[in-house]
Amino acid sequence: MGLFDFLKKGKEEPAKQPTGTPKINQMPGQQPNAASTNQQNVGSTSTDTYTVQSGDSLSKIAQRQYGSASAWTKIYNANKTTIGDNPDLIKPGQKLTIPRD
């Protein structure tokens, strides 16, 4: 078998699409946009990330993301390790996962 025999045999396959989400570079000192989220596909479940801003609460974030303040528990359950035991104590700068299933 020669070095380039693989070029002669086999089926042509379409090129594979890159996976993952490109990272957005931010200028030093620039605040992230509170309204924007980065979508990430993980298998068949997709999620967004949200950076907590001053004055945010889980219910305010849920209202903006889902249209219902009562959906705050969905965000809390996905982020217990980041938030801790008290869902009322979120801090500016924390990055939260926003489930989209």
PDB file of N, CA and C in Angstrom:
ATOM      1  N   MET A   1       0.838  -1.169   0.000  1.00  0.00           N
ATOM      2  CA  MET A   1       0.000   0.000   0.000  1.00  0.00           C
ATOM      3  C   MET A   1       0.890   1.240   0.000  1.00  0.00           C
ATOM      4  N   GLY A   2       0.660   2.144  -0.914  1.00  0.00           N
ATOM      5  CA  GLY A   2       1.475   3.344  -1.035  1.00  0.00           C
ATOM      6  C   GLY A   2       1.030   4.440  -0.087  1.00  0.00           C
ATOM      7  N   LEU A   3       1.836   5.439  -0.005  1.00  0.00           N
ATOM      8  CA  LEU A   3       1.598   6.554   0.903  1.00  0.00           C
ATOM      9  C   LEU A   3       0.309   7.303   0.566  1.00  0.00           C
ATOM     10  N   PHE A   4      -0.051   7.424  -0.710  1.00  0.00           N
ATOM     11  CA  PHE A   4      -1.207   8.199  -1.094  1.00  0.00           C
ATOM     12  C   PHE A   4      -2.373   7.343  -1.579  1.00  0.00           C
ATOM     13  N   ASP A   5      -2.382   6.046  -1.238  1.00  0.00           N
ATOM     14  CA  ASP A   5      -3.462   5.162  -1.662  1.00  0.00           C
ATOM     15  C   ASP A   5      -4.814   5.599  -1.108  1.00  0.00           C
ATOM     16  N   PHE A   6      -4.813   6.272   0.022  1.00  0.00           N
ATOM     17  CA  PHE A   6      -6.089   6.708   0.595  1.00  0.00           C
ATOM     18  C   PHE A   6      -6.783   7.724  -0.314  1.00  0.00           C
ATOM     19  N   LEU A   7      -6.034   8.382  -1.183  1.00  0.00           N
ATOM     20  CA  LEU A   7      -6.640   9.331  -2.116  1.00  0.00           C
ATOM     21  C   LEU A   7      -7.404   8.625  -3.223  1.00  0.00           C
ATOM     22  N   LYS A   8      -7.058   7.407  -3.512  1.00  0.00           N
ATOM     23  CA  LYS A   8      -7.674   6.664  -4.601  1.00  0.00           C
ATOM     24  C   LYS A   8      -8.923   5.913  -4.150  1.00  0.00           C
ATOM     25  N   LYS A   9      -9.035   5.602  -2.890  1.00  0.00           N
ATOM     26  CA  LYS A   9     -10.112   4.767  -2.394  1.00  0.00           C
ATOM     27  C   LYS A   9     -11.008   5.571  -1.454  1.00  0.00           C
ATOM     28  N   GLY A  10     -12.164   5.032  -1.217  1.00  0.00           N
ATOM     29  CA  GLY A  10     -13.065   5.615  -0.221  1.00  0.00           C
ATOM     30  C   GLY A  10     -14.094   6.538  -0.833  1.00  0.00           C
ATOM     31  N   LYS A  11     -14.999   6.956  -0.010  1.00  0.00           N
ATOM     32  CA  LYS A  11     -16.089   7.829  -0.429  1.00  0.00           C
ATOM     33  C   LYS A  11     -15.707   9.273  -0.149  1.00  0.00           C
ATOM     34  N   GLU A  12     -16.247  10.149  -0.954  1.00  0.00           N
ATOM     35  CA  GLU A  12     -16.077  11.566  -0.659  1.00  0.00           C
ATOM     36  C   GLU A  12     -17.073  11.926   0.428  1.00  0.00           C
ATOM     37  N   GLU A  13     -16.616  12.668   1.404  1.00  0.00           N
ATOM     38  CA  GLU A  13     -17.491  13.104   2.479  1.00  0.00           C
ATOM     39  C   GLU A  13     -17.475  14.622   2.530  1.00  0.00           C
ATOM     40  N   PRO A  14     -18.624  15.223   2.890  1.00  0.00           N
ATOM     41  CA  PRO A  14     -18.648  16.679   3.004  1.00  0.00           C
ATOM     42  C   PRO A  14     -17.741  17.144   4.146  1.00  0.00           C
ATOM     43  N   ALA A  15     -17.249  18.331   4.016  1.00  0.00           N
ATOM     44  CA  ALA A  15     -16.394  18.897   5.069  1.00  0.00           C
ATOM     45  C   ALA A  15     -17.214  19.055   6.339  1.00  0.00           C
ATOM     46  N   LYS A  16     -16.595  18.811   7.459  1.00  0.00           N
ATOM     47  CA  LYS A  16     -17.280  18.932   8.741  1.00  0.00           C
ATOM     48  C   LYS A  16     -17.292  20.392   9.173  1.00  0.00           C
ATOM     49  N   GLN A  17     -18.420  20.789   9.746  1.00  0.00           N
ATOM     50  CA  GLN A  17     -18.544  22.154  10.238  1.00  0.00           C
ATOM     51  C   GLN A  17     -17.825  22.281  11.568  1.00  0.00           C
ATOM     52  N   PRO A  18     -17.175  23.414  11.818  1.00  0.00           N
ATOM     53  CA  PRO A  18     -16.516  23.605  13.114  1.00  0.00           C
ATOM     54  C   PRO A  18     -17.564  23.642  14.221  1.00  0.00           C
ATOM     55  N   THR A  19     -17.193  23.164  15.380  1.00  0.00           N
ATOM     56  CA  THR A  19     -18.110  23.166  16.514  1.00  0.00           C
ATOM     57  C   THR A  19     -17.702  24.248  17.490  1.00  0.00           C
ATOM     58  N   GLY A  20     -18.638  24.596  18.372  1.00  0.00           N
ATOM     59  CA  GLY A  20     -18.336  25.594  19.394  1.00  0.00           C
ATOM     60  C   GLY A  20     -18.717  26.987  18.930  1.00  0.00           C
ATOM     61  N   THR A  21     -18.608  27.917  19.823  1.00  0.00           N
ATOM     62  CA  THR A  21     -18.939  29.297  19.566  1.00  0.00           C
ATOM     63  C   THR A  21     -17.672  30.124  19.628  1.00  0.00           C
ATOM     64  N   PRO A  22     -17.428  30.981  18.626  1.00  0.00           N
ATOM     65  CA  PRO A  22     -16.227  31.804  18.707  1.00  0.00           C
ATOM     66  C   PRO A  22     -16.306  32.748  19.894  1.00  0.00           C
ATOM     67  N   LYS A  23     -15.177  33.006  20.514  1.00  0.00           N
ATOM     68  CA  LYS A  23     -15.143  33.907  21.648  1.00  0.00           C
ATOM     69  C   LYS A  23     -15.149  35.338  21.149  1.00  0.00           C
ATOM     70  N   ILE A  24     -15.834  36.184  21.871  1.00  0.00           N
ATOM     71  CA  ILE A  24     -15.885  37.593  21.528  1.00  0.00           C
ATOM     72  C   ILE A  24     -14.831  38.302  22.355  1.00  0.00           C
ATOM     73  N   ASN A  25     -13.900  38.965  21.676  1.00  0.00           N
ATOM     74  CA  ASN A  25     -12.858  39.698  22.390  1.00  0.00           C
ATOM     75  C   ASN A  25     -13.404  41.035  22.843  1.00  0.00           C
ATOM     76  N   GLN A  26     -13.059  41.400  24.039  1.00  0.00           N
ATOM     77  CA  GLN A  26     -13.561  42.615  24.635  1.00  0.00           C
ATOM     78  C   GLN A  26     -12.388  43.525  24.941  1.00  0.00           C
ATOM     79  N   MET A  27     -12.560  44.801  24.697  1.00  0.00           N
ATOM     80  CA  MET A  27     -11.513  45.767  24.981  1.00  0.00           C
ATOM     81  C   MET A  27     -11.370  45.901  26.497  1.00  0.00           C
ATOM     82  N   PRO A  28     -10.153  46.103  27.012  1.00  0.00           N
ATOM     83  CA  PRO A  28      -9.975  46.291  28.444  1.00  0.00           C
ATOM     84  C   PRO A  28     -10.824  47.450  28.948  1.00  0.00           C
ATOM     85  N   GLY A  29     -11.491  47.226  30.071  1.00  0.00           N
ATOM     86  CA  GLY A  29     -12.328  48.261  30.675  1.00  0.00           C
ATOM     87  C   GLY A  29     -13.717  48.355  30.083  1.00  0.00           C
ATOM     88  N   GLN A  30     -13.998  47.615  29.020  1.00  0.00           N
ATOM     89  CA  GLN A  30     -15.300  47.667  28.377  1.00  0.00           C
ATOM     90  C   GLN A  30     -16.267  46.759  29.128  1.00  0.00           C
ATOM     91  N   GLN A  31     -17.456  47.270  29.431  1.00  0.00           N
ATOM     92  CA  GLN A  31     -18.469  46.487  30.128  1.00  0.00           C
ATOM     93  C   GLN A  31     -19.194  45.590  29.140  1.00  0.00           C
ATOM     94  N   PRO A  32     -19.496  44.335  29.523  1.00  0.00           N
ATOM     95  CA  PRO A  32     -20.290  43.485  28.645  1.00  0.00           C
ATOM     96  C   PRO A  32     -21.699  44.042  28.519  1.00  0.00           C
ATOM     97  N   ASN A  33     -22.322  43.838  27.402  1.00  0.00           N
ATOM     98  CA  ASN A  33     -23.674  44.304  27.169  1.00  0.00           C
ATOM     99  C   ASN A  33     -24.644  43.395  27.913  1.00  0.00           C
ATOM    100  N   ALA A  34     -25.418  43.961  28.832  1.00  0.00           N
ATOM    101  CA  ALA A  34     -26.322  43.171  29.667  1.00  0.00           C
ATOM    102  C   ALA A  34     -27.396  42.481  28.843  1.00  0.00           C
ATOM    103  N   ALA A  35     -27.788  43.065  27.729  1.00  0.00           N
ATOM    104  CA  ALA A  35     -28.865  42.489  26.936  1.00  0.00           C
ATOM    105  C   ALA A  35     -28.388  41.354  26.046  1.00  0.00           C
ATOM    106  N   SER A  36     -27.079  41.250  25.824  1.00  0.00           N
ATOM    107  CA  SER A  36     -26.606  40.217  24.915  1.00  0.00           C
ATOM    108  C   SER A  36     -26.168  38.977  25.667  1.00  0.00           C
ATOM    109  N   THR A  37     -26.333  37.854  25.004  1.00  0.00           N
ATOM    110  CA  THR A  37     -25.899  36.587  25.566  1.00  0.00           C
ATOM    111  C   THR A  37     -25.131  35.847  24.498  1.00  0.00           C
ATOM    112  N   ASN A  38     -24.294  34.927  24.912  1.00  0.00           N
ATOM    113  CA  ASN A  38     -23.552  34.083  23.978  1.00  0.00           C
ATOM    114  C   ASN A  38     -24.212  32.727  23.954  1.00  0.00           C
ATOM    115  N   GLN A  39     -24.661  32.286  22.780  1.00  0.00           N
ATOM    116  CA  GLN A  39     -25.308  30.990  22.690  1.00  0.00           C
ATOM    117  C   GLN A  39     -24.262  29.911  22.525  1.00  0.00           C
ATOM    118  N   GLN A  40     -24.459  28.819  23.257  1.00  0.00           N
ATOM    119  CA  GLN A  40     -23.570  27.673  23.159  1.00  0.00           C
ATOM    120  C   GLN A  40     -24.416  26.438  22.929  1.00  0.00           C
ATOM    121  N   ASN A  41     -24.032  25.639  21.948  1.00  0.00           N
ATOM    122  CA  ASN A  41     -24.747  24.391  21.695  1.00  0.00           C
ATOM    123  C   ASN A  41     -24.003  23.265  22.373  1.00  0.00           C
ATOM    124  N   VAL A  42     -24.719  22.523  23.200  1.00  0.00           N
ATOM    125  CA  VAL A  42     -24.142  21.383  23.896  1.00  0.00           C
ATOM    126  C   VAL A  42     -25.026  20.195  23.569  1.00  0.00           C
ATOM    127  N   GLY A  43     -24.582  19.364  22.643  1.00  0.00           N
ATOM    128  CA  GLY A  43     -25.407  18.238  22.209  1.00  0.00           C
ATOM    129  C   GLY A  43     -26.704  18.763  21.635  1.00  0.00           C
ATOM    130  N   SER A  44     -27.835  18.251  22.097  1.00  0.00           N
ATOM    131  CA  SER A  44     -29.123  18.713  21.608  1.00  0.00           C
ATOM    132  C   SER A  44     -29.706  19.808  22.491  1.00  0.00           C
ATOM    133  N   THR A  45     -29.053  20.128  23.602  1.00  0.00           N
ATOM    134  CA  THR A  45     -29.520  21.161  24.509  1.00  0.00           C
ATOM    135  C   THR A  45     -28.691  22.410  24.285  1.00  0.00           C
ATOM    136  N   SER A  46     -29.344  23.536  24.085  1.00  0.00           N
ATOM    137  CA  SER A  46     -28.574  24.757  23.918  1.00  0.00           C
ATOM    138  C   SER A  46     -28.752  25.628  25.154  1.00  0.00           C
ATOM    139  N   THR A  47     -27.746  26.408  25.423  1.00  0.00           N
ATOM    140  CA  THR A  47     -27.768  27.308  26.556  1.00  0.00           C
ATOM    141  C   THR A  47     -27.176  28.645  26.131  1.00  0.00           C
ATOM    142  N   ASP A  48     -27.479  29.653  26.880  1.00  0.00           N
ATOM    143  CA  ASP A  48     -26.875  30.962  26.726  1.00  0.00           C
ATOM    144  C   ASP A  48     -26.123  31.261  28.009  1.00  0.00           C
ATOM    145  N   THR A  49     -25.214  32.200  27.950  1.00  0.00           N
ATOM    146  CA  THR A  49     -24.587  32.687  29.168  1.00  0.00           C
ATOM    147  C   THR A  49     -24.975  34.138  29.354  1.00  0.00           C
ATOM    148  N   TYR A  50     -25.084  34.543  30.597  1.00  0.00           N
ATOM    149  CA  TYR A  50     -25.467  35.905  30.939  1.00  0.00           C
ATOM    150  C   TYR A  50     -24.548  36.385  32.050  1.00  0.00           C
ATOM    151  N   THR A  51     -24.024  37.589  31.914  1.00  0.00           N
ATOM    152  CA  THR A  51     -23.183  38.186  32.941  1.00  0.00           C
ATOM    153  C   THR A  51     -24.048  39.087  33.801  1.00  0.00           C
ATOM    154  N   VAL A  52     -24.088  38.809  35.096  1.00  0.00           N
ATOM    155  CA  VAL A  52     -24.909  39.560  36.037  1.00  0.00           C
ATOM    156  C   VAL A  52     -24.429  41.010  36.102  1.00  0.00           C
ATOM    157  N   GLN A  53     -25.385  41.927  36.039  1.00  0.00           N
ATOM    158  CA  GLN A  53     -25.122  43.360  36.136  1.00  0.00           C
ATOM    159  C   GLN A  53     -25.643  43.884  37.472  1.00  0.00           C
ATOM    160  N   SER A  54     -25.153  45.024  37.886  1.00  0.00           N
ATOM    161  CA  SER A  54     -25.622  45.656  39.111  1.00  0.00           C
ATOM    162  C   SER A  54     -27.132  45.881  39.024  1.00  0.00           C
ATOM    163  N   GLY A  55     -27.857  45.541  40.081  1.00  0.00           N
ATOM    164  CA  GLY A  55     -29.313  45.707  40.112  1.00  0.00           C
ATOM    165  C   GLY A  55     -30.082  44.500  39.616  1.00  0.00           C
ATOM    166  N   ASP A  56     -29.400  43.491  39.099  1.00  0.00           N
ATOM    167  CA  ASP A  56     -30.076  42.293  38.615  1.00  0.00           C
ATOM    168  C   ASP A  56     -30.568  41.426  39.769  1.00  0.00           C
ATOM    169  N   SER A  57     -31.589  40.671  39.492  1.00  0.00           N
ATOM    170  CA  SER A  57     -32.048  39.587  40.359  1.00  0.00           C
ATOM    171  C   SER A  57     -32.383  38.433  39.426  1.00  0.00           C
ATOM    172  N   LEU A  58     -32.491  37.234  39.976  1.00  0.00           N
ATOM    173  CA  LEU A  58     -32.831  36.097  39.129  1.00  0.00           C
ATOM    174  C   LEU A  58     -34.192  36.281  38.470  1.00  0.00           C
ATOM    175  N   SER A  59     -35.136  36.881  39.177  1.00  0.00           N
ATOM    176  CA  SER A  59     -36.462  37.088  38.580  1.00  0.00           C
ATOM    177  C   SER A  59     -36.416  38.122  37.454  1.00  0.00           C
ATOM    178  N   LYS A  60     -35.582  39.169  37.586  1.00  0.00           N
ATOM    179  CA  LYS A  60     -35.441  40.154  36.503  1.00  0.00           C
ATOM    180  C   LYS A  60     -34.796  39.516  35.280  1.00  0.00           C
ATOM    181  N   ILE A  61     -33.775  38.696  35.517  1.00  0.00           N
ATOM    182  CA  ILE A  61     -33.108  38.010  34.409  1.00  0.00           C
ATOM    183  C   ILE A  61     -34.087  37.053  33.725  1.00  0.00           C
ATOM    184  N   ALA A  62     -34.851  36.301  34.528  1.00  0.00           N
ATOM    185  CA  ALA A  62     -35.839  35.360  33.975  1.00  0.00           C
ATOM    186  C   ALA A  62     -36.899  36.096  33.160  1.00  0.00           C
ATOM    187  N   GLN A  63     -37.330  37.258  33.628  1.00  0.00           N
ATOM    188  CA  GLN A  63     -38.326  38.047  32.890  1.00  0.00           C
ATOM    189  C   GLN A  63     -37.782  38.439  31.519  1.00  0.00           C
ATOM    190  N   ARG A  64     -36.524  38.889  31.481  1.00  0.00           N
ATOM    191  CA  ARG A  64     -35.920  39.291  30.203  1.00  0.00           C
ATOM    192  C   ARG A  64     -35.651  38.093  29.298  1.00  0.00           C
ATOM    193  N   GLN A  65     -35.185  36.984  29.876  1.00  0.00           N
ATOM    194  CA  GLN A  65     -34.776  35.837  29.072  1.00  0.00           C
ATOM    195  C   GLN A  65     -35.938  34.941  28.654  1.00  0.00           C
ATOM    196  N   TYR A  66     -36.919  34.766  29.541  1.00  0.00           N
ATOM    197  CA  TYR A  66     -38.019  33.830  29.285  1.00  0.00           C
ATOM    198  C   TYR A  66     -39.388  34.495  29.154  1.00  0.00           C
ATOM    199  N   GLY A  67     -39.477  35.772  29.551  1.00  0.00           N
ATOM    200  CA  GLY A  67     -40.776  36.442  29.534  1.00  0.00           C
ATOM    201  C   GLY A  67     -41.608  36.143  30.755  1.00  0.00           C
ATOM    202  N   SER A  68     -41.006  35.530  31.780  1.00  0.00           N
ATOM    203  CA  SER A  68     -41.723  35.196  33.008  1.00  0.00           C
ATOM    204  C   SER A  68     -40.767  35.250  34.197  1.00  0.00           C
ATOM    205  N   ALA A  69     -41.056  36.147  35.141  1.00  0.00           N
ATOM    206  CA  ALA A  69     -40.205  36.283  36.325  1.00  0.00           C
ATOM    207  C   ALA A  69     -40.218  35.012  37.172  1.00  0.00           C
ATOM    208  N   SER A  70     -41.313  34.260  37.113  1.00  0.00           N
ATOM    209  CA  SER A  70     -41.411  33.047  37.935  1.00  0.00           C
ATOM    210  C   SER A  70     -40.502  31.923  37.442  1.00  0.00           C
ATOM    211  N   ALA A  71     -39.872  32.087  36.296  1.00  0.00           N
ATOM    212  CA  ALA A  71     -38.954  31.076  35.766  1.00  0.00           C
ATOM    213  C   ALA A  71     -37.552  31.209  36.362  1.00  0.00           C
ATOM    214  N   TRP A  72     -37.395  32.028  37.409  1.00  0.00           N
ATOM    215  CA  TRP A  72     -36.076  32.242  38.025  1.00  0.00           C
ATOM    216  C   TRP A  72     -35.493  30.942  38.558  1.00  0.00           C
ATOM    217  N   THR A  73     -36.343  30.001  38.972  1.00  0.00           N
ATOM    218  CA  THR A  73     -35.839  28.737  39.532  1.00  0.00           C
ATOM    219  C   THR A  73     -35.087  27.922  38.478  1.00  0.00           C
ATOM    220  N   LYS A  74     -35.468  28.053  37.217  1.00  0.00           N
ATOM    221  CA  LYS A  74     -34.777  27.351  36.130  1.00  0.00           C
ATOM    222  C   LYS A  74     -33.324  27.833  36.045  1.00  0.00           C
ATOM    223  N   ILE A  75     -33.132  29.151  36.172  1.00  0.00           N
ATOM    224  CA  ILE A  75     -31.784  29.730  36.141  1.00  0.00           C
ATOM    225  C   ILE A  75     -31.024  29.329  37.400  1.00  0.00           C
ATOM    226  N   TYR A  76     -31.687  29.406  38.545  1.00  0.00           N
ATOM    227  CA  TYR A  76     -31.029  29.064  39.811  1.00  0.00           C
ATOM    228  C   TYR A  76     -30.574  27.601  39.815  1.00  0.00           C
ATOM    229  N   ASN A  77     -31.439  26.688  39.401  1.00  0.00           N
ATOM    230  CA  ASN A  77     -31.086  25.266  39.406  1.00  0.00           C
ATOM    231  C   ASN A  77     -29.906  24.958  38.486  1.00  0.00           C
ATOM    232  N   ALA A  78     -29.762  25.708  37.406  1.00  0.00           N
ATOM    233  CA  ALA A  78     -28.650  25.495  36.483  1.00  0.00           C
ATOM    234  C   ALA A  78     -27.343  26.121  36.979  1.00  0.00           C
ATOM    235  N   ASN A  79     -27.437  26.967  38.026  1.00  0.00           N
ATOM    236  CA  ASN A  79     -26.269  27.731  38.468  1.00  0.00           C
ATOM    237  C   ASN A  79     -26.014  27.672  39.970  1.00  0.00           C
ATOM    238  N   LYS A  80     -26.495  26.629  40.634  1.00  0.00           N
ATOM    239  CA  LYS A  80     -26.339  26.543  42.088  1.00  0.00           C
ATOM    240  C   LYS A  80     -24.882  26.615  42.527  1.00  0.00           C
ATOM    241  N   THR A  81     -23.986  26.015  41.777  1.00  0.00           N
ATOM    242  CA  THR A  81     -22.572  26.036  42.190  1.00  0.00           C
ATOM    243  C   THR A  81     -21.987  27.445  42.086  1.00  0.00           C
ATOM    244  N   THR A  82     -22.467  28.237  41.158  1.00  0.00           N
ATOM    245  CA  THR A  82     -21.986  29.610  41.009  1.00  0.00           C
ATOM    246  C   THR A  82     -22.647  30.539  42.030  1.00  0.00           C
ATOM    247  N   ILE A  83     -23.952  30.390  42.224  1.00  0.00           N
ATOM    248  CA  ILE A  83     -24.717  31.301  43.075  1.00  0.00           C
ATOM    249  C   ILE A  83     -24.580  30.953  44.555  1.00  0.00           C
ATOM    250  N   GLY A  84     -24.597  29.679  44.878  1.00  0.00           N
ATOM    251  CA  GLY A  84     -24.561  29.259  46.276  1.00  0.00           C
ATOM    252  C   GLY A  84     -25.952  28.937  46.787  1.00  0.00           C
ATOM    253  N   ASP A  85     -26.075  28.872  48.110  1.00  0.00           N
ATOM    254  CA  ASP A  85     -27.331  28.444  48.742  1.00  0.00           C
ATOM    255  C   ASP A  85     -28.434  29.499  48.738  1.00  0.00           C
ATOM    256  N   ASN A  86     -28.077  30.769  48.574  1.00  0.00           N
ATOM    257  CA  ASN A  86     -29.071  31.836  48.638  1.00  0.00           C
ATOM    258  C   ASN A  86     -29.272  32.457  47.254  1.00  0.00           C
ATOM    259  N   PRO A  87     -30.412  32.177  46.610  1.00  0.00           N
ATOM    260  CA  PRO A  87     -30.637  32.703  45.257  1.00  0.00           C
ATOM    261  C   PRO A  87     -30.795  34.220  45.210  1.00  0.00           C
ATOM    262  N   ASP A  88     -30.964  34.866  46.369  1.00  0.00           N
ATOM    263  CA  ASP A  88     -31.073  36.325  46.408  1.00  0.00           C
ATOM    264  C   ASP A  88     -29.714  37.007  46.381  1.00  0.00           C
ATOM    265  N   LEU A  89     -28.637  36.242  46.496  1.00  0.00           N
ATOM    266  CA  LEU A  89     -27.303  36.832  46.556  1.00  0.00           C
ATOM    267  C   LEU A  89     -26.500  36.557  45.288  1.00  0.00           C
ATOM    268  N   ILE A  90     -26.937  37.149  44.191  1.00  0.00           N
ATOM    269  CA  ILE A  90     -26.124  37.083  42.979  1.00  0.00           C
ATOM    270  C   ILE A  90     -25.284  38.345  42.925  1.00  0.00           C
ATOM    271  N   LYS A  91     -24.122  38.231  42.271  1.00  0.00           N
ATOM    272  CA  LYS A  91     -23.164  39.335  42.290  1.00  0.00           C
ATOM    273  C   LYS A  91     -22.831  39.778  40.877  1.00  0.00           C
ATOM    274  N   PRO A  92     -22.669  41.095  40.671  1.00  0.00           N
ATOM    275  CA  PRO A  92     -22.251  41.580  39.352  1.00  0.00           C
ATOM    276  C   PRO A  92     -20.960  40.896  38.908  1.00  0.00           C
ATOM    277  N   GLY A  93     -20.927  40.521  37.652  1.00  0.00           N
ATOM    278  CA  GLY A  93     -19.760  39.843  37.096  1.00  0.00           C
ATOM    279  C   GLY A  93     -19.904  38.331  37.040  1.00  0.00           C
ATOM    280  N   GLN A  94     -20.825  37.762  37.817  1.00  0.00           N
ATOM    281  CA  GLN A  94     -21.028  36.310  37.757  1.00  0.00           C
ATOM    282  C   GLN A  94     -21.573  35.945  36.372  1.00  0.00           C
ATOM    283  N   LYS A  95     -21.072  34.852  35.822  1.00  0.00           N
ATOM    284  CA  LYS A  95     -21.551  34.362  34.529  1.00  0.00           C
ATOM    285  C   LYS A  95     -22.518  33.213  34.802  1.00  0.00           C
ATOM    286  N   LEU A  96     -23.759  33.385  34.368  1.00  0.00           N
ATOM    287  CA  LEU A  96     -24.797  32.388  34.595  1.00  0.00           C
ATOM    288  C   LEU A  96     -25.159  31.680  33.306  1.00  0.00           C
ATOM    289  N   THR A  97     -25.464  30.410  33.430  1.00  0.00           N
ATOM    290  CA  THR A  97     -25.965  29.617  32.315  1.00  0.00           C
ATOM    291  C   THR A  97     -27.472  29.813  32.235  1.00  0.00           C
ATOM    292  N   ILE A  98     -27.959  30.112  31.043  1.00  0.00           N
ATOM    293  CA  ILE A  98     -29.395  30.277  30.816  1.00  0.00           C
ATOM    294  C   ILE A  98     -29.862  29.097  29.960  1.00  0.00           C
ATOM    295  N   PRO A  99     -30.523  28.103  30.579  1.00  0.00           N
ATOM    296  CA  PRO A  99     -30.976  26.926  29.813  1.00  0.00           C
ATOM    297  C   PRO A  99     -32.009  27.313  28.748  1.00  0.00           C
ATOM    298  N   ARG A 100     -31.930  26.664  27.602  1.00  0.00           N
ATOM    299  CA  ARG A 100     -32.860  26.934  26.480  1.00  0.00           C
ATOM    300  C   ARG A 100     -33.550  25.668  25.993  1.00  0.00           C
ATOM    301  N   ASP A 101     -33.984  24.811  26.898  1.00  0.00           N
ATOM    302  CA  ASP A 101     -34.677  23.606  26.434  1.00  0.00           C
ATOM    303  C   ASP A 101     -36.124  23.608  26.810  1.00  0.00           C
TER     304      ASP A 101
END
